[in-house]
N, C-alpha and C. Protein backbone atom coordinates (compact mmCIF):
# COMPACT_ATOMS: atom_id res chain seq x y z
N MET A 1 -10.95 12.14 34.30
CA MET A 1 -10.21 12.21 33.06
C MET A 1 -9.91 13.68 32.73
N GLN A 2 -8.66 13.92 32.45
CA GLN A 2 -8.25 15.30 32.17
C GLN A 2 -7.92 15.45 30.69
N VAL A 3 -8.45 16.51 30.10
CA VAL A 3 -8.20 16.78 28.69
C VAL A 3 -7.18 17.90 28.58
N ASN A 4 -6.16 17.66 27.80
CA ASN A 4 -5.12 18.68 27.61
C ASN A 4 -5.56 19.65 26.53
N GLN A 5 -5.87 20.88 26.94
CA GLN A 5 -6.25 21.92 26.00
C GLN A 5 -5.27 23.08 26.14
N PRO A 6 -4.93 23.70 25.03
CA PRO A 6 -4.07 24.89 25.14
C PRO A 6 -4.82 26.02 25.81
N PRO A 7 -4.13 26.84 26.57
CA PRO A 7 -4.81 27.95 27.25
C PRO A 7 -5.36 28.95 26.24
N VAL A 8 -6.50 29.51 26.58
CA VAL A 8 -7.12 30.50 25.71
C VAL A 8 -6.43 31.84 25.91
N VAL A 9 -5.87 32.36 24.85
CA VAL A 9 -5.17 33.64 24.93
C VAL A 9 -6.01 34.69 24.23
N LEU A 10 -6.38 35.73 24.96
CA LEU A 10 -7.17 36.80 24.38
C LEU A 10 -6.24 37.80 23.71
N ILE A 11 -6.39 37.93 22.40
CA ILE A 11 -5.56 38.86 21.64
C ILE A 11 -6.36 40.14 21.42
N PRO A 12 -5.91 41.26 21.94
CA PRO A 12 -6.67 42.50 21.73
C PRO A 12 -6.63 42.91 20.27
N GLN A 13 -7.76 43.40 19.79
CA GLN A 13 -7.83 43.83 18.40
C GLN A 13 -7.10 45.16 18.27
N THR A 14 -6.30 45.24 17.25
CA THR A 14 -5.56 46.48 17.01
C THR A 14 -6.39 47.40 16.13
N ILE A 15 -6.97 48.40 16.73
CA ILE A 15 -7.80 49.36 16.01
C ILE A 15 -7.00 50.65 15.88
N ASN A 16 -6.89 51.12 14.66
CA ASN A 16 -6.15 52.35 14.42
C ASN A 16 -7.00 53.53 14.86
N PRO A 17 -6.58 54.29 15.85
CA PRO A 17 -7.42 55.38 16.34
C PRO A 17 -7.65 56.47 15.30
N SER A 18 -6.72 56.63 14.35
CA SER A 18 -6.92 57.66 13.33
C SER A 18 -8.05 57.28 12.40
N VAL A 19 -8.21 55.99 12.14
CA VAL A 19 -9.31 55.53 11.28
C VAL A 19 -10.62 55.60 12.05
N GLN A 20 -10.57 55.29 13.33
CA GLN A 20 -11.78 55.28 14.14
C GLN A 20 -12.36 56.69 14.27
N GLY A 21 -11.52 57.69 14.32
CA GLY A 21 -12.00 59.05 14.51
C GLY A 21 -12.08 59.84 13.22
N ASP A 22 -11.98 59.16 12.08
CA ASP A 22 -11.99 59.87 10.80
C ASP A 22 -13.40 60.37 10.50
N ARG A 23 -13.52 61.65 10.22
CA ARG A 23 -14.84 62.25 9.98
C ARG A 23 -15.44 61.76 8.66
N ALA A 24 -14.62 61.62 7.63
CA ALA A 24 -15.13 61.17 6.33
C ALA A 24 -15.62 59.72 6.42
N ALA A 25 -14.90 58.89 7.16
CA ALA A 25 -15.31 57.49 7.30
C ALA A 25 -16.63 57.40 8.07
N ARG A 26 -16.78 58.23 9.09
CA ARG A 26 -18.01 58.21 9.86
C ARG A 26 -19.18 58.70 9.00
N ARG A 27 -18.94 59.74 8.19
CA ARG A 27 -19.99 60.25 7.31
C ARG A 27 -20.38 59.19 6.28
N PHE A 28 -19.39 58.49 5.74
CA PHE A 28 -19.68 57.43 4.78
C PHE A 28 -20.46 56.31 5.44
N GLY A 29 -20.11 55.97 6.68
CA GLY A 29 -20.83 54.91 7.38
C GLY A 29 -22.27 55.28 7.63
N ILE A 30 -22.52 56.53 8.03
CA ILE A 30 -23.89 56.97 8.26
C ILE A 30 -24.67 56.96 6.95
N PHE A 31 -24.05 57.43 5.87
CA PHE A 31 -24.71 57.42 4.57
C PHE A 31 -24.99 56.00 4.11
N PHE A 32 -24.03 55.11 4.32
CA PHE A 32 -24.19 53.72 3.87
C PHE A 32 -25.31 53.05 4.64
N LEU A 33 -25.36 53.24 5.96
CA LEU A 33 -26.43 52.63 6.76
C LEU A 33 -27.78 53.22 6.40
N GLY A 34 -27.83 54.52 6.13
CA GLY A 34 -29.09 55.14 5.72
C GLY A 34 -29.58 54.61 4.39
N ALA A 35 -28.65 54.46 3.45
CA ALA A 35 -29.03 53.93 2.14
C ALA A 35 -29.48 52.48 2.26
N LEU A 36 -28.80 51.71 3.11
CA LEU A 36 -29.19 50.32 3.31
C LEU A 36 -30.57 50.23 3.95
N ALA A 37 -30.85 51.11 4.90
CA ALA A 37 -32.17 51.13 5.53
C ALA A 37 -33.25 51.51 4.51
N ALA A 38 -32.95 52.48 3.65
CA ALA A 38 -33.93 52.90 2.64
C ALA A 38 -34.20 51.77 1.65
N VAL A 39 -33.16 51.06 1.25
CA VAL A 39 -33.35 49.94 0.32
C VAL A 39 -34.16 48.83 1.00
N THR A 40 -33.87 48.57 2.27
CA THR A 40 -34.60 47.53 2.99
C THR A 40 -36.08 47.88 3.13
N ILE A 41 -36.36 49.13 3.50
CA ILE A 41 -37.75 49.57 3.64
C ILE A 41 -38.44 49.54 2.27
N GLY A 42 -37.74 49.99 1.23
CA GLY A 42 -38.30 49.97 -0.11
C GLY A 42 -38.62 48.55 -0.57
N ALA A 43 -37.73 47.62 -0.27
CA ALA A 43 -37.98 46.23 -0.65
C ALA A 43 -39.16 45.66 0.12
N GLY A 44 -39.26 46.01 1.41
CA GLY A 44 -40.39 45.54 2.21
C GLY A 44 -41.71 46.08 1.70
N VAL A 45 -41.74 47.35 1.34
CA VAL A 45 -42.97 47.95 0.79
C VAL A 45 -43.28 47.34 -0.57
N GLY A 46 -42.25 47.11 -1.37
CA GLY A 46 -42.47 46.52 -2.70
C GLY A 46 -43.02 45.10 -2.60
N ILE A 47 -42.50 44.34 -1.65
CA ILE A 47 -43.00 42.97 -1.47
C ILE A 47 -44.41 43.00 -0.88
N GLY A 48 -44.65 43.94 0.02
CA GLY A 48 -45.97 44.03 0.65
C GLY A 48 -47.06 44.43 -0.32
N VAL A 49 -46.70 45.21 -1.33
CA VAL A 49 -47.71 45.62 -2.32
C VAL A 49 -47.79 44.53 -3.36
């Protein structure tokens, strides 16, 4: 028995290279991840105590 399925077409993601290499965006991302890690660790310590 054969099932008719449409072919899977891989669509490449369009990433803007200017956004990818933006220094301010990278700095914000590092700051955001650091703040998120600090909040997560703080919540873990708060729950543990």
